[in-house]
mmCIF file of all heavy atoms, coordinates in Angstrom:
data_MODEL
# 
_entry.id   MODEL 
# 
loop_
_atom_site.group_PDB 
_atom_site.id 
_atom_site.type_symbol 
_atom_site.label_atom_id 
_atom_site.label_alt_id 
_atom_site.label_comp_id 
_atom_site.label_asym_id 
_atom_site.label_entity_id 
_atom_site.label_seq_id 
_atom_site.pdbx_PDB_ins_code 
_atom_site.Cartn_x 
_atom_site.Cartn_y 
_atom_site.Cartn_z 
_atom_site.occupancy 
_atom_site.B_iso_or_equiv 
_atom_site.pdbx_formal_charge 
_atom_site.auth_seq_id 
_atom_site.auth_comp_id 
_atom_site.auth_asym_id 
_atom_site.auth_atom_id 
_atom_site.pdbx_PDB_model_num 
ATOM 1   N N   . LEU A 1 1  ? 0.837  -1.206 0.000  1.00 0.00 ? 1  LEU A N   1 
ATOM 2   C CA  . LEU A 1 1  ? 0.000  0.000  0.000  1.00 0.00 ? 1  LEU A CA  1 
ATOM 3   C C   . LEU A 1 1  ? 0.864  1.245  0.000  1.00 0.00 ? 1  LEU A C   1 
ATOM 4   O O   . LEU A 1 1  ? 1.889  1.305  0.677  1.00 0.00 ? 1  LEU A O   1 
ATOM 5   C CB  . LEU A 1 1  ? -0.858 0.034  1.266  1.00 0.00 ? 1  LEU A CB  1 
ATOM 6   C CG  . LEU A 1 1  ? -1.783 -1.143 1.525  1.00 0.00 ? 1  LEU A CG  1 
ATOM 7   C CD1 . LEU A 1 1  ? -2.207 -1.174 2.971  1.00 0.00 ? 1  LEU A CD1 1 
ATOM 8   C CD2 . LEU A 1 1  ? -2.986 -1.035 0.611  1.00 0.00 ? 1  LEU A CD2 1 
ATOM 9   N N   . ASP A 1 2  ? 0.419  2.270  -0.721 1.00 0.00 ? 2  ASP A N   1 
ATOM 10  C CA  . ASP A 1 2  ? 1.001  3.603  -0.621 1.00 0.00 ? 2  ASP A CA  1 
ATOM 11  C C   . ASP A 1 2  ? 0.156  4.368  0.382  1.00 0.00 ? 2  ASP A C   1 
ATOM 12  O O   . ASP A 1 2  ? -1.072 4.404  0.270  1.00 0.00 ? 2  ASP A O   1 
ATOM 13  C CB  . ASP A 1 2  ? 0.992  4.308  -1.978 1.00 0.00 ? 2  ASP A CB  1 
ATOM 14  C CG  . ASP A 1 2  ? 1.933  3.630  -2.961 1.00 0.00 ? 2  ASP A CG  1 
ATOM 15  O OD1 . ASP A 1 2  ? 3.054  3.288  -2.552 1.00 0.00 ? 2  ASP A OD1 1 
ATOM 16  O OD2 . ASP A 1 2  ? 1.539  3.434  -4.122 1.00 0.00 ? 2  ASP A OD2 1 
ATOM 17  N N   . GLN A 1 3  ? 0.820  4.967  1.359  1.00 0.00 ? 3  GLN A N   1 
ATOM 18  C CA  . GLN A 1 3  ? 0.097  5.630  2.447  1.00 0.00 ? 3  GLN A CA  1 
ATOM 19  C C   . GLN A 1 3  ? 0.530  7.086  2.585  1.00 0.00 ? 3  GLN A C   1 
ATOM 20  O O   . GLN A 1 3  ? 1.719  7.381  2.546  1.00 0.00 ? 3  GLN A O   1 
ATOM 21  C CB  . GLN A 1 3  ? 0.364  4.883  3.759  1.00 0.00 ? 3  GLN A CB  1 
ATOM 22  C CG  . GLN A 1 3  ? -0.337 5.480  4.958  1.00 0.00 ? 3  GLN A CG  1 
ATOM 23  C CD  . GLN A 1 3  ? -0.260 4.543  6.149  1.00 0.00 ? 3  GLN A CD  1 
ATOM 24  O OE1 . GLN A 1 3  ? -0.763 3.433  6.094  1.00 0.00 ? 3  GLN A OE1 1 
ATOM 25  N NE2 . GLN A 1 3  ? 0.364  4.988  7.224  1.00 0.00 ? 3  GLN A NE2 1 
ATOM 26  N N   . VAL A 1 4  ? -0.452 7.974  2.735  1.00 0.00 ? 4  VAL A N   1 
ATOM 27  C CA  . VAL A 1 4  ? -0.207 9.387  3.006  1.00 0.00 ? 4  VAL A CA  1 
ATOM 28  C C   . VAL A 1 4  ? -0.877 9.704  4.336  1.00 0.00 ? 4  VAL A C   1 
ATOM 29  O O   . VAL A 1 4  ? -2.066 9.431  4.521  1.00 0.00 ? 4  VAL A O   1 
ATOM 30  C CB  . VAL A 1 4  ? -0.786 10.289 1.892  1.00 0.00 ? 4  VAL A CB  1 
ATOM 31  C CG1 . VAL A 1 4  ? -0.580 11.761 2.242  1.00 0.00 ? 4  VAL A CG1 1 
ATOM 32  C CG2 . VAL A 1 4  ? -0.161 9.949  0.543  1.00 0.00 ? 4  VAL A CG2 1 
ATOM 33  N N   . THR A 1 5  ? -0.106 10.257 5.262  1.00 0.00 ? 5  THR A N   1 
ATOM 34  C CA  . THR A 1 5  ? -0.621 10.564 6.596  1.00 0.00 ? 5  THR A CA  1 
ATOM 35  C C   . THR A 1 5  ? -0.349 12.032 6.899  1.00 0.00 ? 5  THR A C   1 
ATOM 36  O O   . THR A 1 5  ? 0.760  12.515 6.686  1.00 0.00 ? 5  THR A O   1 
ATOM 37  C CB  . THR A 1 5  ? 0.055  9.689  7.665  1.00 0.00 ? 5  THR A CB  1 
ATOM 38  O OG1 . THR A 1 5  ? -0.111 8.312  7.291  1.00 0.00 ? 5  THR A OG1 1 
ATOM 39  C CG2 . THR A 1 5  ? -0.549 9.916  9.033  1.00 0.00 ? 5  THR A CG2 1 
ATOM 40  N N   . THR A 1 6  ? -1.373 12.731 7.378  1.00 0.00 ? 6  THR A N   1 
ATOM 41  C CA  . THR A 1 6  ? -1.233 14.134 7.778  1.00 0.00 ? 6  THR A CA  1 
ATOM 42  C C   . THR A 1 6  ? -1.497 14.229 9.272  1.00 0.00 ? 6  THR A C   1 
ATOM 43  O O   . THR A 1 6  ? -2.512 13.729 9.768  1.00 0.00 ? 6  THR A O   1 
ATOM 44  C CB  . THR A 1 6  ? -2.219 15.031 7.013  1.00 0.00 ? 6  THR A CB  1 
ATOM 45  O OG1 . THR A 1 6  ? -1.978 14.872 5.606  1.00 0.00 ? 6  THR A OG1 1 
ATOM 46  C CG2 . THR A 1 6  ? -2.041 16.491 7.399  1.00 0.00 ? 6  THR A CG2 1 
ATOM 47  N N   . TYR A 1 7  ? -0.574 14.858 9.984  1.00 0.00 ? 7  TYR A N   1 
ATOM 48  C CA  . TYR A 1 7  ? -0.674 15.051 11.429 1.00 0.00 ? 7  TYR A CA  1 
ATOM 49  C C   . TYR A 1 7  ? -0.949 16.520 11.716 1.00 0.00 ? 7  TYR A C   1 
ATOM 50  O O   . TYR A 1 7  ? -0.444 17.389 11.009 1.00 0.00 ? 7  TYR A O   1 
ATOM 51  C CB  . TYR A 1 7  ? 0.641  14.672 12.120 1.00 0.00 ? 7  TYR A CB  1 
ATOM 52  C CG  . TYR A 1 7  ? 1.041  13.234 11.930 1.00 0.00 ? 7  TYR A CG  1 
ATOM 53  C CD1 . TYR A 1 7  ? 1.827  12.844 10.847 1.00 0.00 ? 7  TYR A CD1 1 
ATOM 54  C CD2 . TYR A 1 7  ? 0.638  12.255 12.838 1.00 0.00 ? 7  TYR A CD2 1 
ATOM 55  C CE1 . TYR A 1 7  ? 2.206  11.521 10.674 1.00 0.00 ? 7  TYR A CE1 1 
ATOM 56  C CE2 . TYR A 1 7  ? 1.022  10.930 12.674 1.00 0.00 ? 7  TYR A CE2 1 
ATOM 57  C CZ  . TYR A 1 7  ? 1.804  10.584 11.588 1.00 0.00 ? 7  TYR A CZ  1 
ATOM 58  O OH  . TYR A 1 7  ? 2.170  9.272  11.422 1.00 0.00 ? 7  TYR A OH  1 
ATOM 59  N N   . GLU A 1 8  ? -1.704 16.786 12.777 1.00 0.00 ? 8  GLU A N   1 
ATOM 60  C CA  . GLU A 1 8  ? -1.918 18.158 13.251 1.00 0.00 ? 8  GLU A CA  1 
ATOM 61  C C   . GLU A 1 8  ? -1.815 18.172 14.768 1.00 0.00 ? 8  GLU A C   1 
ATOM 62  O O   . GLU A 1 8  ? -2.506 17.420 15.461 1.00 0.00 ? 8  GLU A O   1 
ATOM 63  C CB  . GLU A 1 8  ? -3.281 18.690 12.835 1.00 0.00 ? 8  GLU A CB  1 
ATOM 64  C CG  . GLU A 1 8  ? -3.491 20.126 13.293 1.00 0.00 ? 8  GLU A CG  1 
ATOM 65  C CD  . GLU A 1 8  ? -4.785 20.731 12.793 1.00 0.00 ? 8  GLU A CD  1 
ATOM 66  O OE1 . GLU A 1 8  ? -5.468 20.134 11.949 1.00 0.00 ? 8  GLU A OE1 1 
ATOM 67  O OE2 . GLU A 1 8  ? -5.112 21.842 13.254 1.00 0.00 ? 8  GLU A OE2 1 
ATOM 68  N N   . VAL A 1 9  ? -0.953 19.031 15.292 1.00 0.00 ? 9  VAL A N   1 
ATOM 69  C CA  . VAL A 1 9  ? -0.764 19.147 16.736 1.00 0.00 ? 9  VAL A CA  1 
ATOM 70  C C   . VAL A 1 9  ? -1.996 19.807 17.349 1.00 0.00 ? 9  VAL A C   1 
ATOM 71  O O   . VAL A 1 9  ? -2.432 20.880 16.900 1.00 0.00 ? 9  VAL A O   1 
ATOM 72  C CB  . VAL A 1 9  ? 0.501  19.971 17.074 1.00 0.00 ? 9  VAL A CB  1 
ATOM 73  C CG1 . VAL A 1 9  ? 0.618  20.218 18.570 1.00 0.00 ? 9  VAL A CG1 1 
ATOM 74  C CG2 . VAL A 1 9  ? 1.742  19.271 16.541 1.00 0.00 ? 9  VAL A CG2 1 
ATOM 75  N N   . THR A 1 10 ? -2.570 19.166 18.377 1.00 0.00 ? 10 THR A N   1 
ATOM 76  C CA  . THR A 1 10 ? -3.746 19.715 19.049 1.00 0.00 ? 10 THR A CA  1 
ATOM 77  C C   . THR A 1 10 ? -3.431 20.214 20.449 1.00 0.00 ? 10 THR A C   1 
ATOM 78  O O   . THR A 1 10 ? -4.184 21.010 21.002 1.00 0.00 ? 10 THR A O   1 
ATOM 79  C CB  . THR A 1 10 ? -4.872 18.660 19.134 1.00 0.00 ? 10 THR A CB  1 
ATOM 80  O OG1 . THR A 1 10 ? -4.378 17.518 19.837 1.00 0.00 ? 10 THR A OG1 1 
ATOM 81  C CG2 . THR A 1 10 ? -5.354 18.279 17.742 1.00 0.00 ? 10 THR A CG2 1 
ATOM 82  N N   . LYS A 1 11 ? -2.318 19.766 21.026 1.00 0.00 ? 11 LYS A N   1 
ATOM 83  C CA  . LYS A 1 11 ? -1.947 20.196 22.380 1.00 0.00 ? 11 LYS A CA  1 
ATOM 84  C C   . LYS A 1 11 ? -0.467 19.930 22.596 1.00 0.00 ? 11 LYS A C   1 
ATOM 85  O O   . LYS A 1 11 ? 0.070  18.923 22.144 1.00 0.00 ? 11 LYS A O   1 
ATOM 86  C CB  . LYS A 1 11 ? -2.765 19.402 23.411 1.00 0.00 ? 11 LYS A CB  1 
ATOM 87  C CG  . LYS A 1 11 ? -2.475 19.774 24.841 1.00 0.00 ? 11 LYS A CG  1 
ATOM 88  C CD  . LYS A 1 11 ? -3.330 18.943 25.803 1.00 0.00 ? 11 LYS A CD  1 
ATOM 89  C CE  . LYS A 1 11 ? -2.999 19.293 27.239 1.00 0.00 ? 11 LYS A CE  1 
ATOM 90  N NZ  . LYS A 1 11 ? -3.763 18.455 28.178 1.00 0.00 ? 11 LYS A NZ  1 
ATOM 91  N N   . LEU A 1 12 ? 0.187  20.866 23.283 1.00 0.00 ? 12 LEU A N   1 
ATOM 92  C CA  . LEU A 1 12 ? 1.584  20.715 23.672 1.00 0.00 ? 12 LEU A CA  1 
ATOM 93  C C   . LEU A 1 12 ? 1.711  20.916 25.174 1.00 0.00 ? 12 LEU A C   1 
ATOM 94  O O   . LEU A 1 12 ? 1.055  21.792 25.742 1.00 0.00 ? 12 LEU A O   1 
ATOM 95  C CB  . LEU A 1 12 ? 2.469  21.746 22.970 1.00 0.00 ? 12 LEU A CB  1 
ATOM 96  C CG  . LEU A 1 12 ? 2.766  21.539 21.501 1.00 0.00 ? 12 LEU A CG  1 
ATOM 97  C CD1 . LEU A 1 12 ? 3.502  22.752 20.934 1.00 0.00 ? 12 LEU A CD1 1 
ATOM 98  C CD2 . LEU A 1 12 ? 3.602  20.287 21.284 1.00 0.00 ? 12 LEU A CD2 1 
ATOM 99  N N   . THR A 1 13 ? 2.550  20.089 25.799 1.00 0.00 ? 13 THR A N   1 
ATOM 100 C CA  . THR A 1 13 ? 2.917  20.296 27.202 1.00 0.00 ? 13 THR A CA  1 
ATOM 101 C C   . THR A 1 13 ? 4.434  20.350 27.261 1.00 0.00 ? 13 THR A C   1 
ATOM 102 O O   . THR A 1 13 ? 5.111  20.207 26.235 1.00 0.00 ? 13 THR A O   1 
ATOM 103 C CB  . THR A 1 13 ? 2.392  19.148 28.094 1.00 0.00 ? 13 THR A CB  1 
ATOM 104 O OG1 . THR A 1 13 ? 3.087  17.940 27.743 1.00 0.00 ? 13 THR A OG1 1 
ATOM 105 C CG2 . THR A 1 13 ? 0.889  18.967 27.947 1.00 0.00 ? 13 THR A CG2 1 
ATOM 106 N N   . ASP A 1 14 ? 4.984  20.519 28.448 1.00 0.00 ? 14 ASP A N   1 
ATOM 107 C CA  . ASP A 1 14 ? 6.443  20.553 28.579 1.00 0.00 ? 14 ASP A CA  1 
ATOM 108 C C   . ASP A 1 14 ? 7.087  19.246 28.113 1.00 0.00 ? 14 ASP A C   1 
ATOM 109 O O   . ASP A 1 14 ? 8.226  19.246 27.649 1.00 0.00 ? 14 ASP A O   1 
ATOM 110 C CB  . ASP A 1 14 ? 6.845  20.821 30.027 1.00 0.00 ? 14 ASP A CB  1 
ATOM 111 C CG  . ASP A 1 14 ? 6.549  22.247 30.441 1.00 0.00 ? 14 ASP A CG  1 
ATOM 112 O OD1 . ASP A 1 14 ? 6.365  23.110 29.559 1.00 0.00 ? 14 ASP A OD1 1 
ATOM 113 O OD2 . ASP A 1 14 ? 6.507  22.508 31.666 1.00 0.00 ? 14 ASP A OD2 1 
ATOM 114 N N   . THR A 1 15 ? 6.362  18.126 28.242 1.00 0.00 ? 15 THR A N   1 
ATOM 115 C CA  . THR A 1 15 ? 6.962  16.828 27.930 1.00 0.00 ? 15 THR A CA  1 
ATOM 116 C C   . THR A 1 15 ? 6.202  16.011 26.900 1.00 0.00 ? 15 THR A C   1 
ATOM 117 O O   . THR A 1 15 ? 6.568  14.879 26.630 1.00 0.00 ? 15 THR A O   1 
ATOM 118 C CB  . THR A 1 15 ? 7.082  15.976 29.203 1.00 0.00 ? 15 THR A CB  1 
ATOM 119 O OG1 . THR A 1 15 ? 5.774  15.776 29.738 1.00 0.00 ? 15 THR A OG1 1 
ATOM 120 C CG2 . THR A 1 15 ? 7.986  16.642 30.227 1.00 0.00 ? 15 THR A CG2 1 
ATOM 121 N N   . GLY A 1 16 ? 5.133  16.556 26.307 1.00 0.00 ? 16 GLY A N   1 
ATOM 122 C CA  . GLY A 1 16 ? 4.361  15.726 25.392 1.00 0.00 ? 16 GLY A CA  1 
ATOM 123 C C   . GLY A 1 16 ? 3.629  16.503 24.327 1.00 0.00 ? 16 GLY A C   1 
ATOM 124 O O   . GLY A 1 16 ? 3.612  17.738 24.314 1.00 0.00 ? 16 GLY A O   1 
ATOM 125 N N   . VAL A 1 17 ? 3.030  15.741 23.434 1.00 0.00 ? 17 VAL A N   1 
ATOM 126 C CA  . VAL A 1 17 ? 2.284  16.317 22.323 1.00 0.00 ? 17 VAL A CA  1 
ATOM 127 C C   . VAL A 1 17 ? 1.057  15.440 22.063 1.00 0.00 ? 17 VAL A C   1 
ATOM 128 O O   . VAL A 1 17 ? 1.116  14.224 22.184 1.00 0.00 ? 17 VAL A O   1 
ATOM 129 C CB  . VAL A 1 17 ? 3.172  16.430 21.054 1.00 0.00 ? 17 VAL A CB  1 
ATOM 130 C CG1 . VAL A 1 17 ? 3.681  15.081 20.601 1.00 0.00 ? 17 VAL A CG1 1 
ATOM 131 C CG2 . VAL A 1 17 ? 2.449  17.122 19.924 1.00 0.00 ? 17 VAL A CG2 1 
ATOM 132 N N   . ALA A 1 18 ? -0.059 16.089 21.749 1.00 0.00 ? 18 ALA A N   1 
ATOM 133 C CA  . ALA A 1 18 ? -1.271 15.387 21.307 1.00 0.00 ? 18 ALA A CA  1 
ATOM 134 C C   . ALA A 1 18 ? -1.525 15.816 19.876 1.00 0.00 ? 18 ALA A C   1 
ATOM 135 O O   . ALA A 1 18 ? -1.198 16.944 19.480 1.00 0.00 ? 18 ALA A O   1 
ATOM 136 C CB  . ALA A 1 18 ? -2.454 15.732 22.201 1.00 0.00 ? 18 ALA A CB  1 
ATOM 137 N N   . TYR A 1 19 ? -2.116 14.921 19.094 1.00 0.00 ? 19 TYR A N   1 
ATOM 138 C CA  . TYR A 1 19 ? -2.289 15.196 17.672 1.00 0.00 ? 19 TYR A CA  1 
ATOM 139 C C   . TYR A 1 19 ? -3.535 14.502 17.125 1.00 0.00 ? 19 TYR A C   1 
ATOM 140 O O   . TYR A 1 19 ? -4.035 13.548 17.706 1.00 0.00 ? 19 TYR A O   1 
ATOM 141 C CB  . TYR A 1 19 ? -1.065 14.713 16.886 1.00 0.00 ? 19 TYR A CB  1 
ATOM 142 C CG  . TYR A 1 19 ? -0.819 13.229 17.050 1.00 0.00 ? 19 TYR A CG  1 
ATOM 143 C CD1 . TYR A 1 19 ? -1.417 12.307 16.188 1.00 0.00 ? 19 TYR A CD1 1 
ATOM 144 C CD2 . TYR A 1 19 ? -0.023 12.750 18.078 1.00 0.00 ? 19 TYR A CD2 1 
ATOM 145 C CE1 . TYR A 1 19 ? -1.224 10.949 16.357 1.00 0.00 ? 19 TYR A CE1 1 
ATOM 146 C CE2 . TYR A 1 19 ? 0.170  11.391 18.254 1.00 0.00 ? 19 TYR A CE2 1 
ATOM 147 C CZ  . TYR A 1 19 ? -0.431 10.499 17.393 1.00 0.00 ? 19 TYR A CZ  1 
ATOM 148 O OH  . TYR A 1 19 ? -0.244 9.150  17.571 1.00 0.00 ? 19 TYR A OH  1 
ATOM 149 N N   . ASP A 1 20 ? -4.017 15.025 16.005 1.00 0.00 ? 20 ASP A N   1 
ATOM 150 C CA  . ASP A 1 20 ? -5.034 14.371 15.184 1.00 0.00 ? 20 ASP A CA  1 
ATOM 151 C C   . ASP A 1 20 ? -4.342 13.909 13.915 1.00 0.00 ? 20 ASP A C   1 
ATOM 152 O O   . ASP A 1 20 ? -3.320 14.476 13.506 1.00 0.00 ? 20 ASP A O   1 
ATOM 153 C CB  . ASP A 1 20 ? -6.169 15.331 14.824 1.00 0.00 ? 20 ASP A CB  1 
ATOM 154 C CG  . ASP A 1 20 ? -7.082 15.631 16.001 1.00 0.00 ? 20 ASP A CG  1 
ATOM 155 O OD1 . ASP A 1 20 ? -7.128 14.823 16.958 1.00 0.00 ? 20 ASP A OD1 1 
ATOM 156 O OD2 . ASP A 1 20 ? -7.752 16.677 15.963 1.00 0.00 ? 20 ASP A OD2 1 
ATOM 157 N N   . VAL A 1 21 ? -4.900 12.902 13.275 1.00 0.00 ? 21 VAL A N   1 
ATOM 158 C CA  . VAL A 1 21 ? -4.268 12.330 12.091 1.00 0.00 ? 21 VAL A CA  1 
ATOM 159 C C   . VAL A 1 21 ? -5.328 11.941 11.067 1.00 0.00 ? 21 VAL A C   1 
ATOM 160 O O   . VAL A 1 21 ? -6.431 11.537 11.427 1.00 0.00 ? 21 VAL A O   1 
ATOM 161 C CB  . VAL A 1 21 ? -3.391 11.109 12.487 1.00 0.00 ? 21 VAL A CB  1 
ATOM 162 C CG1 . VAL A 1 21 ? -4.226 10.018 13.110 1.00 0.00 ? 21 VAL A CG1 1 
ATOM 163 C CG2 . VAL A 1 21 ? -2.592 10.580 11.333 1.00 0.00 ? 21 VAL A CG2 1 
ATOM 164 N N   . THR A 1 22 ? -4.995 12.139 9.798  1.00 0.00 ? 22 THR A N   1 
ATOM 165 C CA  . THR A 1 22 ? -5.811 11.608 8.695  1.00 0.00 ? 22 THR A CA  1 
ATOM 166 C C   . THR A 1 22 ? -4.884 10.769 7.816  1.00 0.00 ? 22 THR A C   1 
ATOM 167 O O   . THR A 1 22 ? -3.714 11.117 7.627  1.00 0.00 ? 22 THR A O   1 
ATOM 168 C CB  . THR A 1 22 ? -6.463 12.715 7.844  1.00 0.00 ? 22 THR A CB  1 
ATOM 169 O OG1 . THR A 1 22 ? -5.440 13.543 7.304  1.00 0.00 ? 22 THR A OG1 1 
ATOM 170 C CG2 . THR A 1 22 ? -7.426 13.551 8.662  1.00 0.00 ? 22 THR A CG2 1 
ATOM 171 N N   . THR A 1 23 ? -5.426 9.670  7.301  1.00 0.00 ? 23 THR A N   1 
ATOM 172 C CA  . THR A 1 23 ? -4.619 8.738  6.518  1.00 0.00 ? 23 THR A CA  1 
ATOM 173 C C   . THR A 1 23 ? -5.382 8.294  5.281  1.00 0.00 ? 23 THR A C   1 
ATOM 174 O O   . THR A 1 23 ? -6.595 8.080  5.345  1.00 0.00 ? 23 THR A O   1 
ATOM 175 C CB  . THR A 1 23 ? -4.286 7.486  7.362  1.00 0.00 ? 23 THR A CB  1 
ATOM 176 O OG1 . THR A 1 23 ? -3.589 7.887  8.528  1.00 0.00 ? 23 THR A OG1 1 
ATOM 177 C CG2 . THR A 1 23 ? -3.433 6.500  6.591  1.00 0.00 ? 23 THR A CG2 1 
ATOM 178 N N   . THR A 1 24 ? -4.676 8.170  4.167  1.00 0.00 ? 24 THR A N   1 
ATOM 179 C CA  . THR A 1 24 ? -5.233 7.520  2.983  1.00 0.00 ? 24 THR A CA  1 
ATOM 180 C C   . THR A 1 24 ? -4.268 6.417  2.567  1.00 0.00 ? 24 THR A C   1 
ATOM 181 O O   . THR A 1 24 ? -3.047 6.581  2.652  1.00 0.00 ? 24 THR A O   1 
ATOM 182 C CB  . THR A 1 24 ? -5.446 8.491  1.807  1.00 0.00 ? 24 THR A CB  1 
ATOM 183 O OG1 . THR A 1 24 ? -4.191 9.078  1.459  1.00 0.00 ? 24 THR A OG1 1 
ATOM 184 C CG2 . THR A 1 24 ? -6.447 9.570  2.150  1.00 0.00 ? 24 THR A CG2 1 
# 
């Protein structure tokens, strides 16, 4: 499979990151 993934940062802390993702 050929895969394209887009990430978007939704939250940042001093030690972490939260994100949303879309994939085809």
